[in-house]
Amino acid sequence: MISGRGLGHTGGTLDKLESIPGFNTGLEIEKFRSQVIEHGLAIIGQSDHLAPADRRIYAVRDVTATVSSPPLMISSILSKKLAEGLDGLVLDIKYGSGAFSVSAAEAELLAVEMSRVAVKAGVNCTAMVSDMNSPLAGSAGNALEVLEAVRFLRGEMVSERLQTVTYALCGELLRAGGLAETAAEGDRMARQCVSSGAAAEKFCTMVSEQGGPVSLLENAENILPAAPIVAPVKAMSAGYVQAMHTKRIGNAVVSLGGGRLHPDDDIDPAVGLSRLVTTGDRIEEGEPLAFVHAGSEGDWLNAAQVVQNSVSIGEEPVPQSDVIHSRIDGTENEYAG
């Protein structure tokens, strides 16, 4: 997989992986190729020799305030994916307050166009349109999200929304690769890989092959960087979480130093948010809305205020929306799902 870095309020896969001490996302092409052949898995970034156009597209999106421009998003994402020589591609296109596409209709249009471009380039492609009006999981921030992913692989309790999206995408990809007859069968296969420990073992192999610690799975809590200040943001009243502005929550992570506004900005991998509430949760006055992981008291106060302003609490319960909204097939002209 060739991935990108975060820009604006969005997180980047490379930034998250580089929060693992020693992890190298800049492998030479031959090392990348040999690792995939031997172990079946590698995640790196674009380079001057691999999808070089993506760096220029990123820079253009930054300086022209067009980060959310659909044509540039499609070009940036697919320039990396098509360079991999893929047989199949499954995209996760999000909508909502934390996504570039505010409405499901906008996200579906983007999914249709992106999957059509991929199919025309010779890649079997489908897209899942998923809801981002609530955080996908309980953590936001680079090392904190890696820790949650490790806990997922260890079989510990994680967000139901995270599990639903992860297994849906895995099921689609296994079907696209001919390893499962249907996406539902692929979903079951993926769950078995996690429960058996096979997925965790494969992840650990990738981490160690790319320079990371061999004991990450067993000792992630002590290996990953940690912020010096960790404290809760407490609810000012009791009630139900009725809405969350997830873009603001993402910007809270950026304000802590965990994201970038320009491609060359440095980031702090340790900062972010953990144990976030989600829409529909019942909460009592004084209970945590989230824990802020900060580098200074001032940063903590600023982020805590943003979190307070991003969570709406009311007396009436609100049902949680389905995280998977629809499925788009790049070979079809109409929506399926």
Protein backbone atom coordinates (compact mmCIF):
# COMPACT_ATOMS: atom_id res chain seq x y z
CA MET A 1 0.00 0.00 0.00
CA ILE A 2 1.24 3.49 -0.90
CA SER A 3 -0.26 5.96 1.56
CA GLY A 4 -0.21 9.70 2.27
CA ARG A 5 0.21 12.12 5.14
CA GLY A 6 -2.43 14.11 6.96
CA LEU A 7 -3.42 17.55 5.73
CA GLY A 8 -5.80 19.91 7.49
CA HIS A 9 -8.02 18.16 10.04
CA THR A 10 -7.51 14.71 8.48
CA GLY A 11 -5.03 12.15 9.74
CA GLY A 12 -2.47 10.42 7.53
CA THR A 13 -1.54 6.74 7.52
CA LEU A 14 2.18 7.51 7.22
CA ASP A 15 2.08 9.89 10.19
CA LYS A 16 0.38 7.24 12.32
CA LEU A 17 2.84 4.50 11.36
CA GLU A 18 5.83 6.80 11.93
CA SER A 19 4.70 7.27 15.53
CA ILE A 20 6.02 3.71 15.98
CA PRO A 21 9.71 4.16 16.91
CA GLY A 22 11.96 3.18 14.02
CA PHE A 23 9.19 2.49 11.49
CA ASN A 24 10.43 3.39 8.00
CA THR A 25 7.85 4.46 5.39
CA GLY A 26 10.54 5.41 2.87
CA LEU A 27 11.59 1.96 1.68
CA GLU A 28 13.46 1.67 -1.59
CA ILE A 29 11.35 0.12 -4.35
CA GLU A 30 13.30 -3.15 -4.35
CA LYS A 31 12.89 -3.55 -0.58
CA PHE A 32 9.20 -2.72 -0.91
CA ARG A 33 8.79 -5.31 -3.67
CA SER A 34 10.73 -8.05 -1.86
CA GLN A 35 8.83 -7.49 1.39
CA VAL A 36 5.48 -7.82 -0.40
CA ILE A 37 6.66 -11.00 -2.17
CA GLU A 38 7.99 -12.58 1.03
CA HIS A 39 5.48 -11.38 3.62
CA GLY A 40 2.52 -10.14 1.59
CA LEU A 41 2.37 -6.73 3.24
CA ALA A 42 4.15 -3.35 3.20
CA ILE A 43 2.99 0.24 3.66
CA ILE A 44 5.10 3.11 2.33
CA GLY A 45 4.79 6.67 1.01
CA GLN A 46 5.23 8.11 -2.44
CA SER A 47 8.75 9.13 -3.49
CA ASP A 48 10.60 10.74 -6.35
CA HIS A 49 10.55 7.33 -8.06
CA LEU A 50 7.11 6.08 -7.01
CA ALA A 51 3.96 8.15 -7.74
CA PRO A 52 6.03 11.39 -7.84
CA ALA A 53 3.06 13.41 -9.14
CA ASP A 54 1.31 13.02 -5.78
CA ARG A 55 3.80 15.31 -4.02
CA ARG A 56 3.06 18.09 -6.51
CA ILE A 57 -0.68 17.54 -6.25
CA TYR A 58 -0.47 17.72 -2.45
CA ALA A 59 1.44 21.00 -2.66
CA VAL A 60 -1.07 22.47 -5.12
CA ARG A 61 -4.01 21.52 -2.91
CA ASP A 62 -2.31 23.16 0.07
CA VAL A 63 -1.34 26.54 -1.42
CA THR A 64 -4.57 26.98 -3.40
CA ALA A 65 -6.97 26.00 -0.59
CA THR A 66 -8.33 23.12 -2.70
CA VAL A 67 -7.70 20.23 -0.29
CA SER A 68 -11.33 19.12 -0.78
CA SER A 69 -11.42 19.56 -4.59
CA PRO A 70 -12.82 16.25 -6.00
CA PRO A 71 -10.64 16.18 -9.16
CA LEU A 72 -7.48 16.80 -7.12
CA MET A 73 -8.54 14.29 -4.46
CA ILE A 74 -9.13 11.64 -7.15
CA SER A 75 -5.80 12.41 -8.82
CA SER A 76 -3.87 12.35 -5.56
CA ILE A 77 -5.38 9.14 -4.20
CA LEU A 78 -5.39 7.15 -7.42
CA SER A 79 -1.89 8.25 -8.46
CA LYS A 80 -0.63 6.23 -5.47
CA LYS A 81 -3.04 3.32 -5.79
CA LEU A 82 -2.57 2.76 -9.52
CA ALA A 83 1.22 2.90 -9.13
CA GLU A 84 0.96 -0.25 -7.01
CA GLY A 85 -0.21 -2.34 -9.98
CA LEU A 86 -3.36 -3.42 -8.17
CA ASP A 87 -5.79 -6.10 -9.29
CA GLY A 88 -8.51 -4.83 -6.94
CA LEU A 89 -9.20 -1.68 -4.93
CA VAL A 90 -11.76 -0.94 -2.21
CA LEU A 91 -12.24 2.70 -1.19
CA ASP A 92 -13.73 4.11 2.01
CA ILE A 93 -15.41 7.43 1.10
CA LYS A 94 -16.70 9.32 4.13
CA TYR A 95 -19.36 11.98 4.57
CA GLY A 96 -20.50 14.13 7.45
CA SER A 97 -19.17 16.87 9.71
CA GLY A 98 -15.72 15.27 9.81
CA ALA A 99 -15.37 14.59 6.07
CA PHE A 100 -14.65 16.62 2.96
CA SER A 101 -18.08 15.57 1.62
CA VAL A 102 -20.72 16.95 3.97
CA SER A 103 -23.68 14.98 2.58
CA ALA A 104 -24.05 11.34 1.64
CA ALA A 105 -25.03 12.43 -1.89
CA GLU A 106 -21.73 14.32 -2.31
CA ALA A 107 -19.77 11.32 -1.03
CA GLU A 108 -21.63 8.97 -3.40
CA LEU A 109 -20.84 11.22 -6.36
CA LEU A 110 -17.16 11.25 -5.37
CA ALA A 111 -17.25 7.46 -4.93
CA VAL A 112 -18.80 6.99 -8.36
CA GLU A 113 -16.25 9.19 -10.09
CA MET A 114 -13.24 7.77 -8.25
CA SER A 115 -14.25 4.14 -8.79
CA ARG A 116 -15.02 4.82 -12.48
CA VAL A 117 -11.55 6.30 -13.00
CA ALA A 118 -10.00 3.25 -11.35
CA VAL A 119 -12.05 0.84 -13.48
CA LYS A 120 -11.09 2.71 -16.66
CA ALA A 121 -7.46 2.30 -15.58
CA GLY A 122 -8.02 -1.47 -15.45
CA VAL A 123 -8.58 -1.94 -11.71
CA ASN A 124 -11.60 -3.76 -10.25
CA CYS A 125 -12.88 -1.11 -7.82
CA THR A 126 -15.74 -0.69 -5.37
CA ALA A 127 -16.33 2.04 -2.79
CA MET A 128 -18.05 2.00 0.58
CA VAL A 129 -19.68 5.27 1.62
CA SER A 130 -19.49 5.62 5.42
CA ASP A 131 -20.75 8.06 8.04
CA MET A 132 -18.32 10.47 9.72
CA ASN A 133 -20.76 12.50 11.79
CA SER A 134 -19.34 10.72 14.82
CA PRO A 135 -15.76 9.60 15.46
CA LEU A 136 -15.07 6.17 14.00
CA ALA A 137 -13.37 5.09 17.22
CA GLY A 138 -12.39 6.37 20.64
CA SER A 139 -9.02 7.86 19.70
CA ALA A 140 -7.82 10.74 17.52
CA GLY A 141 -4.09 11.32 17.18
CA ASN A 142 -1.21 9.38 15.70
CA ALA A 143 0.24 7.16 18.44
CA LEU A 144 -3.15 6.95 20.15
CA GLU A 145 -4.76 5.57 16.98
CA VAL A 146 -1.93 3.06 16.52
CA LEU A 147 -2.49 1.91 20.10
CA GLU A 148 -6.21 1.45 19.42
CA ALA A 149 -5.40 -0.52 16.26
CA VAL A 150 -3.03 -2.75 18.24
CA ARG A 151 -5.73 -3.34 20.84
CA PHE A 152 -8.11 -4.23 18.01
CA LEU A 153 -5.63 -6.84 16.76
CA ARG A 154 -5.17 -8.16 20.31
CA GLY A 155 -8.89 -8.82 20.45
CA GLU A 156 -9.61 -6.23 23.12
CA MET A 157 -12.83 -4.23 23.25
CA VAL A 158 -12.93 -1.49 20.61
CA SER A 159 -15.53 0.73 18.97
CA GLU A 160 -18.35 -1.14 17.26
CA ARG A 161 -18.25 1.43 14.44
CA LEU A 162 -14.55 0.72 13.88
CA GLN A 163 -15.20 -3.02 13.74
CA THR A 164 -18.11 -2.62 11.32
CA VAL A 165 -16.15 -0.49 8.83
CA THR A 166 -12.97 -2.56 9.10
CA TYR A 167 -14.66 -5.90 8.48
CA ALA A 168 -16.89 -4.50 5.72
CA LEU A 169 -13.84 -3.22 3.84
CA CYS A 170 -11.93 -6.45 4.41
CA GLY A 171 -14.89 -8.49 3.17
CA GLU A 172 -15.13 -6.45 -0.03
CA LEU A 173 -11.39 -6.73 -0.64
CA LEU A 174 -11.30 -10.50 -0.13
CA ARG A 175 -14.19 -10.82 -2.58
CA ALA A 176 -12.41 -8.58 -5.10
CA GLY A 177 -9.27 -10.68 -4.76
CA GLY A 178 -11.14 -13.92 -5.41
CA LEU A 179 -10.44 -15.27 -1.91
CA ALA A 180 -14.12 -15.16 -0.92
CA GLU A 181 -17.25 -15.81 -2.96
CA THR A 182 -19.11 -12.91 -1.34
CA ALA A 183 -18.33 -9.88 0.81
CA ALA A 184 -20.20 -11.53 3.69
CA GLU A 185 -17.92 -14.57 3.47
CA GLY A 186 -14.91 -12.24 3.35
CA ASP A 187 -16.19 -10.47 6.47
CA ARG A 188 -16.29 -13.81 8.32
CA MET A 189 -12.80 -14.71 7.10
CA ALA A 190 -11.41 -11.38 8.34
CA ARG A 191 -13.00 -11.84 11.77
CA GLN A 192 -11.42 -15.30 11.97
CA CYS A 193 -8.00 -13.85 11.10
CA VAL A 194 -8.27 -11.39 13.98
CA SER A 195 -9.65 -13.87 16.52
CA SER A 196 -6.96 -16.44 15.66
CA GLY A 197 -4.14 -13.90 16.02
CA ALA A 198 -3.05 -14.30 12.38
CA ALA A 199 -3.75 -10.63 11.59
CA ALA A 200 -1.75 -9.47 14.60
CA GLU A 201 1.16 -11.70 13.64
CA LYS A 202 1.18 -10.31 10.08
CA PHE A 203 1.07 -6.72 11.35
CA CYS A 204 4.00 -7.36 13.69
CA THR A 205 5.99 -8.88 10.83
CA MET A 206 5.43 -5.73 8.75
CA VAL A 207 6.43 -3.46 11.65
CA SER A 208 9.67 -5.32 12.36
CA GLU A 209 10.55 -5.63 8.63
CA GLN A 210 10.22 -1.86 8.30
CA GLY A 211 12.43 -1.06 11.28
CA GLY A 212 9.94 -1.02 14.14
CA PRO A 213 10.11 -2.94 17.44
CA VAL A 214 9.39 -6.66 17.37
CA SER A 215 7.51 -6.45 20.69
CA LEU A 216 5.01 -3.74 19.66
CA LEU A 217 1.98 -6.01 19.96
CA GLU A 218 2.76 -7.08 23.54
CA ASN A 219 4.22 -3.79 24.77
CA ALA A 220 2.62 -1.00 22.74
CA GLU A 221 1.59 0.98 25.82
CA ASN A 222 5.26 1.38 26.80
CA ILE A 223 6.78 1.65 23.31
CA LEU A 224 4.58 4.31 21.70
CA PRO A 225 5.27 7.97 22.59
CA ALA A 226 3.12 9.46 25.34
CA ALA A 227 2.19 13.08 26.06
CA PRO A 228 3.26 14.62 29.40
CA ILE A 229 -0.24 15.89 30.21
CA VAL A 230 -3.30 13.63 30.08
CA ALA A 231 -6.53 14.87 31.65
CA PRO A 232 -10.28 14.53 31.07
CA VAL A 233 -12.64 17.07 29.55
CA LYS A 234 -15.72 16.80 31.76
CA ALA A 235 -19.35 17.12 30.69
CA MET A 236 -21.03 20.27 32.00
CA SER A 237 -24.44 18.58 32.17
CA ALA A 238 -26.08 15.17 32.11
CA GLY A 239 -27.92 13.78 29.11
CA TYR A 240 -27.41 12.07 25.78
CA VAL A 241 -24.78 12.94 23.21
CA GLN A 242 -27.02 14.21 20.42
CA ALA A 243 -24.44 15.42 17.90
CA MET A 244 -20.68 15.77 17.43
CA HIS A 245 -18.78 18.11 15.11
CA THR A 246 -15.99 15.77 14.11
CA LYS A 247 -14.10 18.29 11.97
CA ARG A 248 -13.69 20.50 15.04
CA ILE A 249 -12.48 17.47 16.98
CA GLY A 250 -9.93 16.84 14.23
CA ASN A 251 -8.87 20.47 14.42
CA ALA A 252 -8.40 20.07 18.17
CA VAL A 253 -5.77 17.42 17.42
CA VAL A 254 -4.13 19.78 14.91
CA SER A 255 -4.07 22.57 17.52
CA LEU A 256 -2.28 20.20 19.91
CA GLY A 257 0.43 19.68 17.30
CA GLY A 258 -0.82 16.30 16.10
CA GLY A 259 -1.64 17.45 12.56
CA ARG A 260 -0.35 19.83 9.95
CA LEU A 261 -1.67 22.83 8.07
CA HIS A 262 1.15 22.71 5.51
CA PRO A 263 2.84 19.63 4.00
CA ASP A 264 6.23 20.45 5.59
CA ASP A 265 4.91 21.02 9.14
CA ASP A 266 6.36 18.85 11.92
CA ILE A 267 3.91 16.95 14.11
CA ASP A 268 3.93 15.60 17.66
CA PRO A 269 2.97 11.90 17.47
CA ALA A 270 2.03 11.67 21.16
CA VAL A 271 -0.77 14.23 21.38
CA GLY A 272 -4.46 13.79 20.67
CA LEU A 273 -7.69 12.58 22.22
CA SER A 274 -8.70 9.26 23.73
CA ARG A 275 -11.86 7.69 25.17
CA LEU A 276 -14.07 9.94 23.06
CA VAL A 277 -17.82 9.65 23.57
CA THR A 278 -19.98 9.03 20.52
CA THR A 279 -23.44 10.06 19.38
CA GLY A 280 -26.14 8.30 21.38
CA ASP A 281 -24.05 7.79 24.53
CA ARG A 282 -25.62 8.55 27.91
CA ILE A 283 -23.35 10.72 30.05
CA GLU A 284 -23.59 12.16 33.55
CA GLU A 285 -22.43 15.60 34.64
CA GLY A 286 -18.70 15.51 35.39
CA GLU A 287 -18.03 12.37 33.35
CA PRO A 288 -15.36 12.59 30.63
CA LEU A 289 -16.27 13.60 27.10
CA ALA A 290 -12.68 12.68 26.18
CA PHE A 291 -9.16 12.66 27.57
CA VAL A 292 -6.84 15.29 26.08
CA HIS A 293 -3.18 14.28 25.62
CA ALA A 294 -1.18 17.51 25.40
CA GLY A 295 2.36 18.84 25.47
CA SER A 296 1.53 21.84 27.67
CA GLU A 297 -1.19 23.18 29.96
CA GLY A 298 -2.05 25.89 27.44
CA ASP A 299 -2.48 23.38 24.64
CA TRP A 300 -4.64 21.23 26.90
CA LEU A 301 -6.93 24.15 27.77
CA ASN A 302 -7.38 25.16 24.13
CA ALA A 303 -8.16 21.62 23.00
CA ALA A 304 -10.49 21.01 25.95
CA GLN A 305 -12.53 24.06 24.97
CA VAL A 306 -12.80 22.83 21.38
CA VAL A 307 -14.01 19.42 22.57
CA GLN A 308 -16.62 21.07 24.82
CA ASN A 309 -17.88 23.09 21.85
CA SER A 310 -17.94 20.04 19.58
CA VAL A 311 -20.26 17.84 21.63
CA SER A 312 -23.98 18.62 21.97
CA ILE A 313 -25.78 17.09 24.96
CA GLY A 314 -29.57 17.00 25.34
CA GLU A 315 -32.28 15.26 27.29
CA GLU A 316 -33.64 13.05 24.50
CA PRO A 317 -31.84 9.88 23.35
CA VAL A 318 -30.59 9.86 19.77
CA PRO A 319 -30.21 6.64 17.77
CA GLN A 320 -26.79 5.94 16.30
CA SER A 321 -26.83 6.08 12.50
CA ASP A 322 -25.59 3.15 10.40
CA VAL A 323 -21.88 3.64 9.76
CA ILE A 324 -22.05 2.04 6.29
CA HIS A 325 -24.39 4.09 4.09
CA SER A 326 -24.01 2.49 0.66
CA ARG A 327 -21.79 0.51 -1.71
CA ILE A 328 -20.71 1.83 -5.10
CA ASP A 329 -19.54 -0.49 -7.91
CA GLY A 330 -17.23 1.22 -10.38
CA THR A 331 -18.52 -0.90 -13.26
CA GLU A 332 -22.14 0.21 -12.74
CA ASN A 333 -23.91 3.48 -13.46
CA GLU A 334 -26.22 3.31 -10.50
CA TYR A 335 -25.85 2.98 -6.77
CA ALA A 336 -25.99 -0.46 -5.16
CA GLY A 337 -26.92 -0.49 -1.49
